[in-house]
C-alpha atoms as a PDB file:
ATOM      1  CA  MET A   1     103.117 -73.513 -13.539  1.00  0.00           C
ATOM      2  CA  LYS A   2     101.486 -76.392 -15.382  1.00  0.00           C
ATOM      3  CA  ARG A   3     103.330 -77.814 -18.328  1.00  0.00           C
ATOM      4  CA  ARG A   4     101.609 -78.850 -21.485  1.00  0.00           C
ATOM      5  CA  TRP A   5     101.609 -82.629 -21.847  1.00  0.00           C
ATOM      6  CA  LYS A   6     100.941 -83.767 -25.398  1.00  0.00           C
ATOM      7  CA  THR A   7      97.513 -82.268 -26.140  1.00  0.00           C
ATOM      8  CA  PHE A   8      96.504 -81.936 -22.505  1.00  0.00           C
ATOM      9  CA  THR A   9      97.021 -78.970 -20.237  1.00  0.00           C
ATOM     10  CA  TYR A  10      98.033 -80.920 -17.133  1.00  0.00           C
ATOM     11  CA  PRO A  11     100.546 -83.650 -16.418  1.00  0.00           C
ATOM     12  CA  PRO A  12      98.901 -87.071 -16.036  1.00  0.00           C
ATOM     13  CA  CYS A  13     101.041 -88.019 -13.041  1.00  0.00           C
ATOM     14  CA  GLU A  14      99.328 -85.247 -11.069  1.00  0.00           C
ATOM     15  CA  TYR A  15      96.165 -87.353 -11.194  1.00  0.00           C
ATOM     16  CA  GLY A  16      97.877 -90.725 -10.901  1.00  0.00           C
ATOM     17  CA  LEU A  17      96.754 -91.813 -14.360  1.00  0.00           C
ATOM     18  CA  GLN A  18      98.777 -93.287 -17.185  1.00  0.00           C
ATOM     19  CA  SER A  19      98.796 -91.491 -20.520  1.00  0.00           C
ATOM     20  CA  GLU A  20      96.667 -94.196 -22.204  1.00  0.00           C
ATOM     21  CA  LYS A  21      93.968 -93.813 -19.565  1.00  0.00           C
ATOM     22  CA  ILE A  22      94.038 -90.018 -19.938  1.00  0.00           C
ATOM     23  CA  ARG A  23      93.477 -90.356 -23.692  1.00  0.00           C
ATOM     24  CA  GLU A  24      90.539 -92.704 -23.071  1.00  0.00           C
ATOM     25  CA  ILE A  25      88.914 -90.283 -20.658  1.00  0.00           C
ATOM     26  CA  ILE A  26      89.382 -87.088 -22.657  1.00  0.00           C
ATOM     27  CA  MET A  27      89.334 -87.987 -26.342  1.00  0.00           C
ATOM     28  CA  SER A  28      86.405 -89.380 -28.244  1.00  0.00           C
ATOM     29  CA  THR A  29      87.160 -92.559 -30.123  1.00  0.00           C
ATOM     30  CA  ILE A  30      86.428 -92.956 -33.806  1.00  0.00           C
ATOM     31  CA  PHE A  31      83.510 -95.199 -32.815  1.00  0.00           C
ATOM     32  CA  GLU A  32      81.957 -92.477 -30.652  1.00  0.00           C
ATOM     33  CA  LYS A  33      82.238 -90.117 -33.620  1.00  0.00           C
ATOM     34  CA  ILE A  34      80.548 -92.674 -35.896  1.00  0.00           C
ATOM     35  CA  ILE A  35      77.766 -93.249 -33.349  1.00  0.00           C
ATOM     36  CA  SER A  36      77.176 -89.484 -33.042  1.00  0.00           C
ATOM     37  CA  GLY A  37      77.146 -89.061 -36.840  1.00  0.00           C
ATOM     38  CA  GLU A  38      80.253 -86.873 -36.826  1.00  0.00           C
ATOM     39  CA  ILE A  39      82.048 -89.424 -39.031  1.00  0.00           C
ATOM     40  CA  GLN A  40      80.331 -91.421 -41.762  1.00  0.00           C
ATOM     41  CA  ALA A  41      80.563 -95.194 -41.955  1.00  0.00           C
ATOM     42  CA  ASP A  42      79.018 -98.047 -43.901  1.00  0.00           C
ATOM     43  CA  ILE A  43      76.300 -98.857 -41.365  1.00  0.00           C
ATOM     44  CA  LEU A  44      74.732-102.300 -41.691  1.00  0.00           C
ATOM     45  CA  TYR A  45      72.438-102.067 -38.668  1.00  0.00           C
ATOM     46  CA  GLN A  46      71.756-100.075 -35.547  1.00  0.00           C
ATOM     47  CA  ASP A  47      69.390-100.066 -32.621  1.00  0.00           C
ATOM     48  CA  GLU A  48      69.310 -98.403 -29.208  1.00  0.00           C
ATOM     49  CA  ILE A  49      72.148-100.631 -27.886  1.00  0.00           C
ATOM     50  CA  CYS A  50      74.608-101.032 -30.750  1.00  0.00           C
ATOM     51  CA  ILE A  51      75.702-100.082 -34.227  1.00  0.00           C
ATOM     52  CA  VAL A  52      77.145-102.434 -36.853  1.00  0.00           C
ATOM     53  CA  ILE A  53      79.575-101.117 -39.460  1.00  0.00           C
ATOM     54  CA  ARG A  54      81.846-102.569 -42.114  1.00  0.00           C
ATOM     55  CA  ASP A  55      85.508-102.564 -41.086  1.00  0.00           C
ATOM     56  CA  ILE A  56      87.515 -99.986 -43.055  1.00  0.00           C
ATOM     57  CA  GLU A  57      90.504-102.374 -43.154  1.00  0.00           C
ATOM     58  CA  PRO A  58      88.824-105.736 -43.765  1.00  0.00           C
ATOM     59  CA  GLN A  59      90.792-108.872 -42.974  1.00  0.00           C
ATOM     60  CA  ALA A  60      88.319-111.139 -44.782  1.00  0.00           C
ATOM     61  CA  PRO A  61      85.844-110.752 -47.658  1.00  0.00           C
ATOM     62  CA  VAL A  62      83.206-109.970 -45.021  1.00  0.00           C
ATOM     63  CA  HIS A  63      84.420-108.074 -41.954  1.00  0.00           C
ATOM     64  CA  PHE A  64      82.102-106.024 -39.806  1.00  0.00           C
ATOM     65  CA  LEU A  65      82.164-104.598 -36.295  1.00  0.00           C
ATOM     66  CA  VAL A  66      79.412-104.715 -33.691  1.00  0.00           C
ATOM     67  CA  ILE A  67      79.923-101.737 -31.368  1.00  0.00           C
ATOM     68  CA  PRO A  68      77.990-100.900 -28.216  1.00  0.00           C
ATOM     69  CA  LYS A  69      76.716 -97.334 -28.098  1.00  0.00           C
ATOM     70  CA  LYS A  70      77.626 -97.226 -24.412  1.00  0.00           C
ATOM     71  CA  VAL A  71      81.352 -96.621 -24.092  1.00  0.00           C
ATOM     72  CA  ILE A  72      83.026 -99.668 -22.556  1.00  0.00           C
ATOM     73  CA  PRO A  73      86.783 -99.308 -23.153  1.00  0.00           C
ATOM     74  CA  ARG A  74      87.396-103.068 -23.402  1.00  0.00           C
ATOM     75  CA  ILE A  75      85.839-106.376 -22.400  1.00  0.00           C
ATOM     76  CA  GLY A  76      87.848-106.483 -19.170  1.00  0.00           C
ATOM     77  CA  ASP A  77      86.288-103.160 -18.141  1.00  0.00           C
ATOM     78  CA  ALA A  78      82.707-104.362 -18.595  1.00  0.00           C
ATOM     79  CA  LEU A  79      80.549-104.329 -15.492  1.00  0.00           C
ATOM     80  CA  GLN A  80      77.865-106.705 -14.285  1.00  0.00           C
ATOM     81  CA  GLU A  81      75.309-104.134 -15.445  1.00  0.00           C
ATOM     82  CA  ASP A  82      76.652-104.566 -19.017  1.00  0.00           C
ATOM     83  CA  GLN A  83      75.758-108.265 -19.147  1.00  0.00           C
ATOM     84  CA  SER A  84      72.564-107.783 -21.149  1.00  0.00           C
ATOM     85  CA  SER A  85      74.280-105.451 -23.635  1.00  0.00           C
ATOM     86  CA  LEU A  86      77.164-107.890 -24.112  1.00  0.00           C
ATOM     87  CA  GLY A  87      74.722-110.675 -24.924  1.00  0.00           C
ATOM     88  CA  HIS A  88      72.938-108.343 -27.319  1.00  0.00           C
ATOM     89  CA  LEU A  89      76.217-107.690 -29.166  1.00  0.00           C
ATOM     90  CA  LEU A  90      76.719-111.416 -29.782  1.00  0.00           C
ATOM     91  CA  LEU A  91      73.122-112.013 -30.837  1.00  0.00           C
ATOM     92  CA  THR A  92      73.367-109.052 -33.207  1.00  0.00           C
ATOM     93  CA  ALA A  93      76.634-110.450 -34.617  1.00  0.00           C
ATOM     94  CA  GLY A  94      74.839-113.695 -35.471  1.00  0.00           C
ATOM     95  CA  LYS A  95      71.863-111.877 -36.984  1.00  0.00           C
ATOM     96  CA  ILE A  96      74.045-109.730 -39.254  1.00  0.00           C
ATOM     97  CA  ALA A  97      76.258-112.708 -40.163  1.00  0.00           C
ATOM     98  CA  GLU A  98      73.119-114.428 -41.436  1.00  0.00           C
ATOM     99  CA  GLN A  99      72.147-111.311 -43.428  1.00  0.00           C
ATOM    100  CA  GLU A 100      75.670-111.281 -44.898  1.00  0.00           C
ATOM    101  CA  ASN A 101      75.253-114.903 -46.073  1.00  0.00           C
ATOM    102  CA  LEU A 102      77.888-116.359 -43.744  1.00  0.00           C
ATOM    103  CA  SER A 103      75.986-119.595 -43.117  1.00  0.00           C
ATOM    104  CA  SER A 104      79.092-121.663 -43.982  1.00  0.00           C
ATOM    105  CA  GLY A 105      80.940-120.136 -41.047  1.00  0.00           C
ATOM    106  CA  TYR A 106      82.498-117.039 -39.551  1.00  0.00           C
ATOM    107  CA  ARG A 107      84.807-115.992 -36.738  1.00  0.00           C
ATOM    108  CA  VAL A 108      83.915-113.705 -33.825  1.00  0.00           C
ATOM    109  CA  VAL A 109      86.826-111.844 -32.190  1.00  0.00           C
ATOM    110  CA  ILE A 110      87.113-109.390 -29.291  1.00  0.00           C
ATOM    111  CA  ASN A 111      90.575-107.869 -28.800  1.00  0.00           C
ATOM    112  CA  HIS A 112      91.705-106.750 -25.337  1.00  0.00           C
ATOM    113  CA  GLY A 113      94.736-104.559 -24.730  1.00  0.00           C
ATOM    114  CA  LYS A 114      97.802-103.841 -26.810  1.00  0.00           C
ATOM    115  CA  ASN A 115      99.056-107.430 -26.895  1.00  0.00           C
ATOM    116  CA  GLY A 116      95.569-108.611 -27.805  1.00  0.00           C
ATOM    117  CA  GLY A 117      95.513-106.402 -30.903  1.00  0.00           C
ATOM    118  CA  GLU A 118      93.258-103.655 -29.548  1.00  0.00           C
ATOM    119  CA  THR A 119      93.599-100.466 -31.593  1.00  0.00           C
ATOM    120  CA  VAL A 120      90.531 -98.499 -30.458  1.00  0.00           C
ATOM    121  CA  PRO A 121      89.732 -98.260 -26.728  1.00  0.00           C
ATOM    122  CA  HIS A 122      86.012 -98.876 -27.223  1.00  0.00           C
ATOM    123  CA  LEU A 123      84.792-102.460 -27.000  1.00  0.00           C
ATOM    124  CA  HIS A 124      83.810-103.916 -30.356  1.00  0.00           C
ATOM    125  CA  VAL A 125      83.157-107.360 -31.777  1.00  0.00           C
ATOM    126  CA  HIS A 126      84.805-108.291 -35.064  1.00  0.00           C
ATOM    127  CA  VAL A 127      82.925-110.713 -37.307  1.00  0.00           C
ATOM    128  CA  LEU A 128      84.982-112.148 -40.167  1.00  0.00           C
ATOM    129  CA  GLY A 129      83.843-114.543 -42.871  1.00  0.00           C
ATOM    130  CA  GLY A 130      83.634-115.314 -46.545  1.00  0.00           C
ATOM    131  CA  ARG A 131      86.818-117.417 -46.532  1.00  0.00           C
ATOM    132  CA  GLN A 132      88.339-120.377 -44.695  1.00  0.00           C
ATOM    133  CA  MET A 133      89.639-119.298 -41.302  1.00  0.00           C
ATOM    134  CA  ARG A 134      92.910-120.770 -40.060  1.00  0.00           C
ATOM    135  CA  TRP A 135      94.029-121.866 -36.601  1.00  0.00           C
ATOM    136  CA  PRO A 136      95.793-120.557 -34.674  1.00  0.00           C
ATOM    137  CA  PRO A 137      94.482-117.104 -35.601  1.00  0.00           C
ATOM    138  CA  GLY A 138      97.474-115.017 -34.445  1.00  0.00           C
END
């Protein structure tokens, strides 16, 4: 008899996976739902590789996210084959920062893991600007 584990119908230990990894595999992230059009967002830009949206909880006057359409859970899970896409994310961040009039400066942040501040297991680049940034950031 298989027990129900949270919202899943099988115990994660049966497959040797931790609960966080199970959630990543089975559940769509909010970003996947935005990319598919299931959830609306304030889209600033999109192309075949990425989508750029305004952050719904901005930490600066200008705060947007550059999100790859390919699901990469976090920067540490990126593969060699993702190299071109990762470069594209950064170039797109700069392009949109210019469109958002951030010529006086901005900060680019990628969070990795719980202690790094990651809240959505789908790689994304934060771009923050429109105010003086402080150091250290955390």
